[in-house]
Amino acid sequence: MAQPDYQLFAFWRSSATYRVRVALALKGLSAEEHYIDLDAGDQLGNDFLKINPLGAIPALIIPGQPPLTQSLAILEYLDETVPNPPLLPADPLGRARVRSIAAALAADTHPLIVPRVRQYLTTTGGFDLAAWRAWQIKWFTTGLQGLEVRLATETSTGTYCHGDQVTIADILLMSLVAVMRVFKISAANTPTIDRIVALCETHEAFANAHPLRQEGAPAP
């Protein structure tokens, strides 16, 4: 049996880990996953903190190199080292647009709903479960409805977020939608996003990365 290309520290529900799984599959690469239970606090154990002192996943282990962290950095590394199929457009403006969409989702929306934020808000912040769910709905909806305006009005939108090929923007979009569905949350009035999501779901790479298909996921 062939050895995996990488080692990947992962959690079943992690939106950021989902992105790496999709990119690896699109590039025809493999990774052996090591399960880090975020709900149990595995990410705060000494062994994992030696891999990522921030206690966050994913972490990609490249043979002979220090761990690579942060999902967007990992996606761009994979795109630069395995150029086909490309996950960024060839032209500078197109690359900037895709990065802008990806960053809006990865930096402005996703950080607000991760486990460490939930832990703080439901303890120190005094949130009960209803308040936490309202928080999730607020920020998921704000992020996706803002993206919907861009996708519906910008001429560079094609069958996907940018043009007619999957890019990092689509991977980031799907990573949030996949986790929203786990939490049974949806955003209203996003027809362009809904169309793109339905198209992405026809790709094996996206389907196989679904959170509920991963180690540690609850039974359907």
C-alpha atoms as a PDB file:
ATOM      1  CA  MET A   1       0.000   0.000   0.000  1.00  0.00           C
ATOM      2  CA  ALA A   2       1.321   3.437  -0.932  1.00  0.00           C
ATOM      3  CA  GLN A   3       2.366   5.714   1.903  1.00  0.00           C
ATOM      4  CA  PRO A   4       0.218   8.838   2.399  1.00  0.00           C
ATOM      5  CA  ASP A   5       1.647  12.093   1.109  1.00  0.00           C
ATOM      6  CA  TYR A   6       1.030  13.911   4.400  1.00  0.00           C
ATOM      7  CA  GLN A   7      -0.127  13.611   7.996  1.00  0.00           C
ATOM      8  CA  LEU A   8      -3.185  15.694   8.873  1.00  0.00           C
ATOM      9  CA  PHE A   9      -4.355  16.581  12.374  1.00  0.00           C
ATOM     10  CA  ALA A  10      -8.105  16.841  12.088  1.00  0.00           C
ATOM     11  CA  PHE A  11     -11.517  16.920  13.762  1.00  0.00           C
ATOM     12  CA  TRP A  12     -14.701  15.657  12.143  1.00  0.00           C
ATOM     13  CA  ARG A  13     -16.713  18.883  12.497  1.00  0.00           C
ATOM     14  CA  SER A  14     -13.909  21.322  11.747  1.00  0.00           C
ATOM     15  CA  SER A  15     -14.700  23.653   8.875  1.00  0.00           C
ATOM     16  CA  ALA A  16     -11.011  24.425   8.402  1.00  0.00           C
ATOM     17  CA  THR A  17     -10.075  20.745   8.239  1.00  0.00           C
ATOM     18  CA  TYR A  18     -12.856  20.179   5.696  1.00  0.00           C
ATOM     19  CA  ARG A  19     -11.135  22.658   3.383  1.00  0.00           C
ATOM     20  CA  VAL A  20      -7.873  20.746   3.476  1.00  0.00           C
ATOM     21  CA  ARG A  21      -9.630  17.432   2.833  1.00  0.00           C
ATOM     22  CA  VAL A  22     -11.288  18.873  -0.280  1.00  0.00           C
ATOM     23  CA  ALA A  23      -8.082  20.415  -1.614  1.00  0.00           C
ATOM     24  CA  LEU A  24      -6.121  17.192  -1.077  1.00  0.00           C
ATOM     25  CA  ALA A  25      -8.769  15.215  -2.935  1.00  0.00           C
ATOM     26  CA  LEU A  26      -8.907  17.672  -5.831  1.00  0.00           C
ATOM     27  CA  LYS A  27      -5.116  17.458  -6.150  1.00  0.00           C
ATOM     28  CA  GLY A  28      -5.106  13.665  -5.999  1.00  0.00           C
ATOM     29  CA  LEU A  29      -3.136  13.676  -2.729  1.00  0.00           C
ATOM     30  CA  SER A  30      -3.571  11.593   0.396  1.00  0.00           C
ATOM     31  CA  ALA A  31      -3.149  12.220   4.108  1.00  0.00           C
ATOM     32  CA  GLU A  32      -3.220  10.009   7.174  1.00  0.00           C
ATOM     33  CA  GLU A  33      -5.505  11.712   9.655  1.00  0.00           C
ATOM     34  CA  HIS A  34      -4.856  12.001  13.373  1.00  0.00           C
ATOM     35  CA  TYR A  35      -8.009  12.704  15.326  1.00  0.00           C
ATOM     36  CA  ILE A  36      -7.970  15.705  17.652  1.00  0.00           C
ATOM     37  CA  ASP A  37     -11.200  15.914  19.657  1.00  0.00           C
ATOM     38  CA  LEU A  38     -11.849  19.639  20.019  1.00  0.00           C
ATOM     39  CA  ASP A  39     -14.850  19.057  22.267  1.00  0.00           C
ATOM     40  CA  ALA A  40     -12.700  17.030  24.673  1.00  0.00           C
ATOM     41  CA  GLY A  41      -9.875  19.577  24.659  1.00  0.00           C
ATOM     42  CA  ASP A  42      -7.279  17.425  22.883  1.00  0.00           C
ATOM     43  CA  GLN A  43      -5.985  20.536  21.132  1.00  0.00           C
ATOM     44  CA  LEU A  44      -4.789  21.895  24.477  1.00  0.00           C
ATOM     45  CA  GLY A  45      -2.701  18.852  25.365  1.00  0.00           C
ATOM     46  CA  ASN A  46       1.060  19.232  25.483  1.00  0.00           C
ATOM     47  CA  ASP A  47       1.639  16.861  22.579  1.00  0.00           C
ATOM     48  CA  PHE A  48      -0.543  18.846  20.205  1.00  0.00           C
ATOM     49  CA  LEU A  49       0.641  22.238  21.437  1.00  0.00           C
ATOM     50  CA  LYS A  50       4.106  21.207  20.276  1.00  0.00           C
ATOM     51  CA  ILE A  51       2.618  20.927  16.776  1.00  0.00           C
ATOM     52  CA  ASN A  52       0.567  24.134  16.922  1.00  0.00           C
ATOM     53  CA  PRO A  53       1.079  26.377  19.976  1.00  0.00           C
ATOM     54  CA  LEU A  54      -2.249  28.081  19.235  1.00  0.00           C
ATOM     55  CA  GLY A  55      -4.053  24.793  19.802  1.00  0.00           C
ATOM     56  CA  ALA A  56      -5.936  25.000  16.505  1.00  0.00           C
ATOM     57  CA  ILE A  57      -6.448  22.608  13.641  1.00  0.00           C
ATOM     58  CA  PRO A  58      -5.779  21.675  10.934  1.00  0.00           C
ATOM     59  CA  ALA A  59      -2.067  20.991  10.991  1.00  0.00           C
ATOM     60  CA  LEU A  60      -0.462  19.420   7.950  1.00  0.00           C
ATOM     61  CA  ILE A  61       2.770  17.520   8.405  1.00  0.00           C
ATOM     62  CA  ILE A  62       5.007  17.668   5.332  1.00  0.00           C
ATOM     63  CA  PRO A  63       7.796  15.079   5.540  1.00  0.00           C
ATOM     64  CA  GLY A  64      10.959  16.681   6.894  1.00  0.00           C
ATOM     65  CA  GLN A  65       9.349  20.090   7.507  1.00  0.00           C
ATOM     66  CA  PRO A  66       7.811  21.939  10.468  1.00  0.00           C
ATOM     67  CA  PRO A  67       4.012  21.606  10.761  1.00  0.00           C
ATOM     68  CA  LEU A  68       2.041  23.808   8.390  1.00  0.00           C
ATOM     69  CA  THR A  69      -1.000  25.437   9.984  1.00  0.00           C
ATOM     70  CA  GLN A  70      -3.855  27.739   8.920  1.00  0.00           C
ATOM     71  CA  SER A  71      -6.139  26.311   6.272  1.00  0.00           C
ATOM     72  CA  LEU A  72      -5.702  29.090   3.709  1.00  0.00           C
ATOM     73  CA  ALA A  73      -1.917  28.780   3.894  1.00  0.00           C
ATOM     74  CA  ILE A  74      -2.225  25.022   3.458  1.00  0.00           C
ATOM     75  CA  LEU A  75      -4.515  25.406   0.443  1.00  0.00           C
ATOM     76  CA  GLU A  76      -2.127  27.826  -1.247  1.00  0.00           C
ATOM     77  CA  TYR A  77       0.830  25.550  -0.490  1.00  0.00           C
ATOM     78  CA  LEU A  78      -0.964  22.631  -2.129  1.00  0.00           C
ATOM     79  CA  ASP A  79      -1.875  24.780  -5.107  1.00  0.00           C
ATOM     80  CA  GLU A  80       1.693  25.964  -5.605  1.00  0.00           C
ATOM     81  CA  THR A  81       3.279  22.536  -5.226  1.00  0.00           C
ATOM     82  CA  VAL A  82       0.663  20.606  -7.226  1.00  0.00           C
ATOM     83  CA  PRO A  83      -0.510  23.129  -9.841  1.00  0.00           C
ATOM     84  CA  ASN A  84      -3.199  21.014 -11.492  1.00  0.00           C
ATOM     85  CA  PRO A  85      -6.044  21.458 -11.198  1.00  0.00           C
ATOM     86  CA  PRO A  86      -5.467  25.097 -10.211  1.00  0.00           C
ATOM     87  CA  LEU A  87      -7.426  26.455  -7.264  1.00  0.00           C
ATOM     88  CA  LEU A  88      -6.639  30.096  -8.029  1.00  0.00           C
ATOM     89  CA  PRO A  89      -7.256  31.969 -11.304  1.00  0.00           C
ATOM     90  CA  ALA A  90      -4.336  32.779 -13.581  1.00  0.00           C
ATOM     91  CA  ASP A  91      -4.847  36.564 -13.635  1.00  0.00           C
ATOM     92  CA  PRO A  92      -3.880  38.802 -10.692  1.00  0.00           C
ATOM     93  CA  LEU A  93      -7.291  40.437 -10.347  1.00  0.00           C
ATOM     94  CA  GLY A  94      -9.044  37.081 -10.378  1.00  0.00           C
ATOM     95  CA  ARG A  95      -6.645  35.712  -7.779  1.00  0.00           C
ATOM     96  CA  ALA A  96      -7.277  38.747  -5.591  1.00  0.00           C
ATOM     97  CA  ARG A  97     -11.062  38.314  -5.893  1.00  0.00           C
ATOM     98  CA  VAL A  98     -10.918  34.638  -4.929  1.00  0.00           C
ATOM     99  CA  ARG A  99      -8.639  35.419  -2.006  1.00  0.00           C
ATOM    100  CA  SER A 100     -11.000  38.219  -0.935  1.00  0.00           C
ATOM    101  CA  ILE A 101     -14.010  35.883  -0.880  1.00  0.00           C
ATOM    102  CA  ALA A 102     -12.028  33.202   0.931  1.00  0.00           C
ATOM    103  CA  ALA A 103     -10.675  35.640   3.508  1.00  0.00           C
ATOM    104  CA  ALA A 104     -14.121  37.084   4.202  1.00  0.00           C
ATOM    105  CA  LEU A 105     -15.365  33.614   5.104  1.00  0.00           C
ATOM    106  CA  ALA A 106     -12.219  32.400   6.870  1.00  0.00           C
ATOM    107  CA  ALA A 107     -11.419  35.583   8.787  1.00  0.00           C
ATOM    108  CA  ASP A 108     -14.699  37.476   9.229  1.00  0.00           C
ATOM    109  CA  THR A 109     -17.243  34.667   9.699  1.00  0.00           C
ATOM    110  CA  HIS A 110     -15.692  31.360  10.732  1.00  0.00           C
ATOM    111  CA  PRO A 111     -13.670  32.607  13.751  1.00  0.00           C
ATOM    112  CA  LEU A 112     -16.860  33.775  15.455  1.00  0.00           C
ATOM    113  CA  ILE A 113     -18.349  30.289  15.745  1.00  0.00           C
ATOM    114  CA  VAL A 114     -15.378  28.046  16.557  1.00  0.00           C
ATOM    115  CA  PRO A 115     -15.308  25.901  19.759  1.00  0.00           C
ATOM    116  CA  ARG A 116     -12.983  28.205  21.705  1.00  0.00           C
ATOM    117  CA  VAL A 117     -15.369  31.127  21.136  1.00  0.00           C
ATOM    118  CA  ARG A 118     -18.318  28.965  22.199  1.00  0.00           C
ATOM    119  CA  GLN A 119     -16.415  27.897  25.299  1.00  0.00           C
ATOM    120  CA  TYR A 120     -15.697  31.492  26.287  1.00  0.00           C
ATOM    121  CA  LEU A 121     -19.190  32.803  25.591  1.00  0.00           C
ATOM    122  CA  THR A 122     -20.960  29.945  27.397  1.00  0.00           C
ATOM    123  CA  THR A 123     -18.746  30.284  30.486  1.00  0.00           C
ATOM    124  CA  THR A 124     -17.126  33.674  31.042  1.00  0.00           C
ATOM    125  CA  GLY A 125     -19.536  35.404  28.662  1.00  0.00           C
ATOM    126  CA  GLY A 126     -22.627  34.063  30.397  1.00  0.00           C
ATOM    127  CA  PHE A 127     -24.362  32.773  27.236  1.00  0.00           C
ATOM    128  CA  ASP A 128     -26.899  29.989  27.638  1.00  0.00           C
ATOM    129  CA  LEU A 129     -27.443  27.531  24.774  1.00  0.00           C
ATOM    130  CA  ALA A 130     -30.220  29.659  23.242  1.00  0.00           C
ATOM    131  CA  ALA A 131     -27.976  32.727  23.184  1.00  0.00           C
ATOM    132  CA  TRP A 132     -25.147  30.717  21.648  1.00  0.00           C
ATOM    133  CA  ARG A 133     -27.424  29.408  18.893  1.00  0.00           C
ATOM    134  CA  ALA A 134     -28.676  32.937  18.183  1.00  0.00           C
ATOM    135  CA  TRP A 135     -25.023  34.037  17.934  1.00  0.00           C
ATOM    136  CA  GLN A 136     -24.286  31.255  15.422  1.00  0.00           C
ATOM    137  CA  ILE A 137     -27.309  32.104  13.296  1.00  0.00           C
ATOM    138  CA  LYS A 138     -26.456  35.816  13.352  1.00  0.00           C
ATOM    139  CA  TRP A 139     -22.890  35.446  12.110  1.00  0.00           C
ATOM    140  CA  PHE A 140     -23.428  32.591   9.677  1.00  0.00           C
ATOM    141  CA  THR A 141     -26.296  34.541   8.102  1.00  0.00           C
ATOM    142  CA  THR A 142     -24.394  37.841   8.021  1.00  0.00           C
ATOM    143  CA  GLY A 143     -21.432  36.205   6.301  1.00  0.00           C
ATOM    144  CA  LEU A 144     -23.412  34.317   3.681  1.00  0.00           C
ATOM    145  CA  GLN A 145     -25.844  37.087   2.859  1.00  0.00           C
ATOM    146  CA  GLY A 146     -22.934  39.487   2.373  1.00  0.00           C
ATOM    147  CA  LEU A 147     -21.290  37.001   0.040  1.00  0.00           C
ATOM    148  CA  GLU A 148     -24.584  36.508  -1.806  1.00  0.00           C
ATOM    149  CA  VAL A 149     -24.644  40.200  -2.741  1.00  0.00           C
ATOM    150  CA  ARG A 150     -21.147  39.922  -4.202  1.00  0.00           C
ATOM    151  CA  LEU A 151     -21.821  36.743  -6.118  1.00  0.00           C
ATOM    152  CA  ALA A 152     -25.143  37.982  -7.485  1.00  0.00           C
ATOM    153  CA  THR A 153     -23.802  41.327  -8.705  1.00  0.00           C
ATOM    154  CA  GLU A 154     -20.172  40.812  -9.731  1.00  0.00           C
ATOM    155  CA  THR A 155     -19.570  39.819 -13.344  1.00  0.00           C
ATOM    156  CA  SER A 156     -16.739  37.423 -12.483  1.00  0.00           C
ATOM    157  CA  THR A 157     -19.171  35.025 -10.852  1.00  0.00           C
ATOM    158  CA  GLY A 158     -19.733  32.053 -13.129  1.00  0.00           C
ATOM    159  CA  THR A 159     -21.063  28.589 -12.520  1.00  0.00           C
ATOM    160  CA  TYR A 160     -18.861  28.725  -9.414  1.00  0.00           C
ATOM    161  CA  CYS A 161     -17.892  31.615  -7.139  1.00  0.00           C
ATOM    162  CA  HIS A 162     -15.342  32.734  -9.720  1.00  0.00           C
ATOM    163  CA  GLY A 163     -15.680  31.600 -13.306  1.00  0.00           C
ATOM    164  CA  ASP A 164     -16.428  28.035 -14.280  1.00  0.00           C
ATOM    165  CA  GLN A 165     -13.878  26.086 -12.245  1.00  0.00           C
ATOM    166  CA  VAL A 166     -13.668  25.230  -8.552  1.00  0.00           C
ATOM    167  CA  THR A 167     -11.439  27.649  -6.667  1.00  0.00           C
ATOM    168  CA  ILE A 168     -10.448  28.219  -3.071  1.00  0.00           C
ATOM    169  CA  ALA A 169     -13.504  30.481  -2.798  1.00  0.00           C
ATOM    170  CA  ASP A 170     -15.833  27.523  -3.406  1.00  0.00           C
ATOM    171  CA  ILE A 171     -13.930  25.379  -0.911  1.00  0.00           C
ATOM    172  CA  LEU A 172     -14.313  28.074   1.755  1.00  0.00           C
ATOM    173  CA  LEU A 173     -17.992  28.549   0.985  1.00  0.00           C
ATOM    174  CA  MET A 174     -18.702  24.827   1.171  1.00  0.00           C
ATOM    175  CA  SER A 175     -16.758  24.486   4.411  1.00  0.00           C
ATOM    176  CA  LEU A 176     -19.139  26.872   6.149  1.00  0.00           C
ATOM    177  CA  VAL A 177     -22.263  25.423   4.581  1.00  0.00           C
ATOM    178  CA  ALA A 178     -21.257  21.888   5.588  1.00  0.00           C
ATOM    179  CA  VAL A 179     -20.861  22.905   9.229  1.00  0.00           C
ATOM    180  CA  MET A 180     -24.055  24.970   9.181  1.00  0.00           C
ATOM    181  CA  ARG A 181     -25.929  21.850   8.137  1.00  0.00           C
ATOM    182  CA  VAL A 182     -24.433  19.902  11.028  1.00  0.00           C
ATOM    183  CA  PHE A 183     -25.843  22.582  13.331  1.00  0.00           C
ATOM    184  CA  LYS A 184     -29.130  22.630  11.355  1.00  0.00           C
ATOM    185  CA  ILE A 185     -28.715  26.297  10.464  1.00  0.00           C
ATOM    186  CA  SER A 186     -29.535  27.845   7.094  1.00  0.00           C
ATOM    187  CA  ALA A 187     -29.358  31.339   5.638  1.00  0.00           C
ATOM    188  CA  ALA A 188     -32.362  32.720   3.780  1.00  0.00           C
ATOM    189  CA  ASN A 189     -32.332  34.598   0.475  1.00  0.00           C
ATOM    190  CA  THR A 190     -29.089  33.218  -0.943  1.00  0.00           C
ATOM    191  CA  PRO A 191     -30.119  31.795  -4.342  1.00  0.00           C
ATOM    192  CA  THR A 192     -26.706  32.235  -5.989  1.00  0.00           C
ATOM    193  CA  ILE A 193     -24.971  30.494  -3.106  1.00  0.00           C
ATOM    194  CA  ASP A 194     -27.587  27.736  -3.149  1.00  0.00           C
ATOM    195  CA  ARG A 195     -26.910  27.120  -6.842  1.00  0.00           C
ATOM    196  CA  ILE A 196     -23.142  26.972  -6.365  1.00  0.00           C
ATOM    197  CA  VAL A 197     -23.477  24.699  -3.341  1.00  0.00           C
ATOM    198  CA  ALA A 198     -25.665  22.272  -5.278  1.00  0.00           C
ATOM    199  CA  LEU A 199     -23.071  22.134  -8.054  1.00  0.00           C
ATOM    200  CA  CYS A 200     -20.175  21.581  -5.664  1.00  0.00           C
ATOM    201  CA  GLU A 201     -22.075  18.748  -4.024  1.00  0.00           C
ATOM    202  CA  THR A 202     -21.885  16.789  -7.266  1.00  0.00           C
ATOM    203  CA  HIS A 203     -18.073  16.596  -6.870  1.00  0.00           C
ATOM    204  CA  GLU A 204     -16.719  13.528  -5.126  1.00  0.00           C
ATOM    205  CA  ALA A 205     -14.049  15.618  -3.365  1.00  0.00           C
ATOM    206  CA  PHE A 206     -16.697  17.686  -1.580  1.00  0.00           C
ATOM    207  CA  ALA A 207     -18.981  14.745  -0.859  1.00  0.00           C
ATOM    208  CA  ASN A 208     -16.214  12.656   0.715  1.00  0.00           C
ATOM    209  CA  ALA A 209     -15.099  15.566   2.925  1.00  0.00           C
ATOM    210  CA  HIS A 210     -18.534  15.908   4.513  1.00  0.00           C
ATOM    211  CA  PRO A 211     -18.200  16.169   8.297  1.00  0.00           C
ATOM    212  CA  LEU A 212     -20.552  13.262   8.977  1.00  0.00           C
ATOM    213  CA  ARG A 213     -18.349  10.947   6.910  1.00  0.00           C
ATOM    214  CA  GLN A 214     -15.301  11.488   9.125  1.00  0.00           C
ATOM    215  CA  GLU A 215     -13.842   9.594  12.052  1.00  0.00           C
ATOM    216  CA  GLY A 216     -15.453  10.649  15.304  1.00  0.00           C
ATOM    217  CA  ALA A 217     -18.671  11.921  13.712  1.00  0.00           C
ATOM    218  CA  PRO A 218     -21.924  10.893  15.404  1.00  0.00           C
ATOM    219  CA  ALA A 219     -23.962   8.170  13.761  1.00  0.00           C
ATOM    220  CA  PRO A 220     -26.549   9.530  11.303  1.00  0.00           C
END
